[in-house]
């Protein structure tokens, strides 16, 4: 897997996350008044939305991880050279006081 493959996978991940977050944003745009206005069921709607939003995000992030794992496995099995999943590696040096250089 070369850098172009890695970049493609990162772009796919970004698009999937954008789709998920954009969908949640549209729902909030159209139905947000239910938990933002002062109405008798405001707290009930707010709790229901928080539970729903968390369930959607948890499921979506899990599915994204599974899809990326599957794609990585596909690219790794097709690649004759060493695989690097990370494009950059960072090394942080600290002085004796624990401050970053």
C-alpha atoms as a PDB file:
ATOM      1  CA  UNK A   1       0.000   0.000   0.000  1.00  0.00           C
ATOM      2  CA  UNK A   2       1.566   3.282  -1.049  1.00  0.00           C
ATOM      3  CA  UNK A   3       0.834   6.845   0.042  1.00  0.00           C
ATOM      4  CA  UNK A   4      -1.841   7.238  -2.646  1.00  0.00           C
ATOM      5  CA  UNK A   5      -3.712   4.230  -1.247  1.00  0.00           C
ATOM      6  CA  UNK A   6      -3.352   5.571   2.271  1.00  0.00           C
ATOM      7  CA  UNK A   7      -4.630   8.994   1.157  1.00  0.00           C
ATOM      8  CA  UNK A   8      -7.604   7.359  -0.562  1.00  0.00           C
ATOM      9  CA  UNK A   9      -8.522   5.458   2.612  1.00  0.00           C
ATOM     10  CA  UNK A  10      -8.264   8.623   4.707  1.00  0.00           C
ATOM     11  CA  UNK A  11     -10.489  10.440   2.178  1.00  0.00           C
ATOM     12  CA  UNK A  12     -13.050   7.630   2.326  1.00  0.00           C
ATOM     13  CA  UNK A  13     -13.030   7.816   6.126  1.00  0.00           C
ATOM     14  CA  UNK A  14     -13.534  11.586   6.009  1.00  0.00           C
ATOM     15  CA  UNK A  15     -16.422  11.272   3.538  1.00  0.00           C
ATOM     16  CA  UNK A  16     -18.173   8.654   5.666  1.00  0.00           C
ATOM     17  CA  UNK A  17     -17.793  10.753   8.807  1.00  0.00           C
ATOM     18  CA  UNK A  18     -18.997  13.865   6.951  1.00  0.00           C
ATOM     19  CA  UNK A  19     -22.057  11.967   5.728  1.00  0.00           C
ATOM     20  CA  UNK A  20     -22.872  10.841   9.263  1.00  0.00           C
ATOM     21  CA  UNK A  21     -22.324  14.243  10.897  1.00  0.00           C
ATOM     22  CA  UNK A  22     -24.089  16.074   8.048  1.00  0.00           C
ATOM     23  CA  UNK A  23     -27.126  13.854   8.458  1.00  0.00           C
ATOM     24  CA  UNK A  24     -27.241  14.537  12.193  1.00  0.00           C
ATOM     25  CA  UNK A  25     -26.912  18.271  11.504  1.00  0.00           C
ATOM     26  CA  UNK A  26     -29.877  18.194   9.100  1.00  0.00           C
ATOM     27  CA  UNK A  27     -31.981  16.366  11.664  1.00  0.00           C
ATOM     28  CA  UNK A  28     -31.070  19.002  14.266  1.00  0.00           C
ATOM     29  CA  UNK A  29     -31.871  21.759  11.769  1.00  0.00           C
ATOM     30  CA  UNK A  30     -35.397  20.471  11.135  1.00  0.00           C
ATOM     31  CA  UNK A  31     -36.292  19.038  14.549  1.00  0.00           C
ATOM     32  CA  UNK A  32     -34.047  20.987  16.949  1.00  0.00           C
ATOM     33  CA  UNK A  33     -36.909  23.271  17.910  1.00  0.00           C
ATOM     34  CA  UNK A  34     -38.419  20.367  19.841  1.00  0.00           C
ATOM     35  CA  UNK A  35     -35.669  20.465  22.467  1.00  0.00           C
ATOM     36  CA  UNK A  36     -34.525  24.058  22.059  1.00  0.00           C
ATOM     37  CA  UNK A  37     -37.861  25.829  22.590  1.00  0.00           C
ATOM     38  CA  UNK A  38     -39.533  26.098  25.945  1.00  0.00           C
ATOM     39  CA  UNK A  39     -42.275  23.536  25.635  1.00  0.00           C
ATOM     40  CA  UNK A  40     -43.675  21.031  28.093  1.00  0.00           C
ATOM     41  CA  UNK A  41     -41.804  18.075  26.590  1.00  0.00           C
ATOM     42  CA  UNK A  42     -38.480  19.844  26.025  1.00  0.00           C
ATOM     43  CA  UNK A  43     -36.460  17.718  28.472  1.00  0.00           C
ATOM     44  CA  UNK A  44     -37.991  14.497  27.163  1.00  0.00           C
ATOM     45  CA  UNK A  45     -37.136  15.422  23.550  1.00  0.00           C
ATOM     46  CA  UNK A  46     -33.643  16.545  24.523  1.00  0.00           C
ATOM     47  CA  UNK A  47     -32.912  13.235  26.292  1.00  0.00           C
ATOM     48  CA  UNK A  48     -34.391  11.254  23.408  1.00  0.00           C
ATOM     49  CA  UNK A  49     -32.270  13.182  20.897  1.00  0.00           C
ATOM     50  CA  UNK A  50     -29.079  12.702  22.941  1.00  0.00           C
ATOM     51  CA  UNK A  51     -29.697   8.952  23.148  1.00  0.00           C
ATOM     52  CA  UNK A  52     -30.479   8.733  19.425  1.00  0.00           C
ATOM     53  CA  UNK A  53     -27.478  10.860  18.420  1.00  0.00           C
ATOM     54  CA  UNK A  54     -25.097   8.778  20.562  1.00  0.00           C
ATOM     55  CA  UNK A  55     -26.467   5.530  19.129  1.00  0.00           C
ATOM     56  CA  UNK A  56     -26.052   6.825  15.563  1.00  0.00           C
ATOM     57  CA  UNK A  57     -22.491   8.036  16.204  1.00  0.00           C
ATOM     58  CA  UNK A  58     -21.450   4.821  17.958  1.00  0.00           C
ATOM     59  CA  UNK A  59     -22.871   2.639  15.200  1.00  0.00           C
ATOM     60  CA  UNK A  60     -21.455   4.833  12.416  1.00  0.00           C
ATOM     61  CA  UNK A  61     -17.967   4.974  13.917  1.00  0.00           C
ATOM     62  CA  UNK A  62     -17.982   1.216  14.443  1.00  0.00           C
ATOM     63  CA  UNK A  63     -19.019   0.620  10.822  1.00  0.00           C
ATOM     64  CA  UNK A  64     -16.327   3.027   9.573  1.00  0.00           C
ATOM     65  CA  UNK A  65     -13.673   1.140  11.568  1.00  0.00           C
ATOM     66  CA  UNK A  66     -14.866  -2.204  10.191  1.00  0.00           C
ATOM     67  CA  UNK A  67     -14.906  -0.891   6.610  1.00  0.00           C
ATOM     68  CA  UNK A  68     -11.409   0.595   6.908  1.00  0.00           C
ATOM     69  CA  UNK A  69     -10.067  -2.610   8.467  1.00  0.00           C
ATOM     70  CA  UNK A  70     -11.488  -4.561   5.546  1.00  0.00           C
ATOM     71  CA  UNK A  71      -9.972  -2.158   3.016  1.00  0.00           C
ATOM     72  CA  UNK A  72      -6.581  -2.217   4.775  1.00  0.00           C
ATOM     73  CA  UNK A  73      -6.648  -6.026   4.704  1.00  0.00           C
ATOM     74  CA  UNK A  74      -7.458  -5.964   1.002  1.00  0.00           C
ATOM     75  CA  UNK A  75      -4.593  -3.605   0.196  1.00  0.00           C
ATOM     76  CA  UNK A  76      -2.152  -5.469   2.419  1.00  0.00           C
ATOM     77  CA  UNK A  77      -2.917  -8.805   0.760  1.00  0.00           C
ATOM     78  CA  UNK A  78      -2.304  -7.249  -2.687  1.00  0.00           C
ATOM     79  CA  UNK A  79       0.933  -5.481  -1.755  1.00  0.00           C
ATOM     80  CA  UNK A  80       4.353  -7.068  -2.379  1.00  0.00           C
ATOM     81  CA  UNK A  81       6.216  -4.495  -0.237  1.00  0.00           C
ATOM     82  CA  UNK A  82       6.153  -3.501   3.435  1.00  0.00           C
ATOM     83  CA  UNK A  83       3.018  -1.731   4.575  1.00  0.00           C
ATOM     84  CA  UNK A  84       2.972   1.478   6.558  1.00  0.00           C
ATOM     85  CA  UNK A  85      -0.473   2.436   7.814  1.00  0.00           C
ATOM     86  CA  UNK A  86       0.778   5.775   9.059  1.00  0.00           C
ATOM     87  CA  UNK A  87       1.971   8.443   6.680  1.00  0.00           C
ATOM     88  CA  UNK A  88       3.898  10.403   9.320  1.00  0.00           C
ATOM     89  CA  UNK A  89       5.609   9.447  12.521  1.00  0.00           C
ATOM     90  CA  UNK A  90       6.232  12.035  15.193  1.00  0.00           C
ATOM     91  CA  UNK A  91       8.866  12.012  17.868  1.00  0.00           C
ATOM     92  CA  UNK A  92       8.611  14.459  20.735  1.00  0.00           C
ATOM     93  CA  UNK A  93      11.741  15.345  22.694  1.00  0.00           C
ATOM     94  CA  UNK A  94      11.403  16.572  26.252  1.00  0.00           C
ATOM     95  CA  UNK A  95      13.979  18.310  28.412  1.00  0.00           C
ATOM     96  CA  UNK A  96      14.496  17.444  32.072  1.00  0.00           C
ATOM     97  CA  UNK A  97      11.706  19.795  33.210  1.00  0.00           C
ATOM     98  CA  UNK A  98       9.153  17.905  31.143  1.00  0.00           C
ATOM     99  CA  UNK A  99       8.707  20.815  28.753  1.00  0.00           C
ATOM    100  CA  UNK A 100       8.579  20.209  25.053  1.00  0.00           C
ATOM    101  CA  UNK A 101      11.555  21.364  22.978  1.00  0.00           C
END
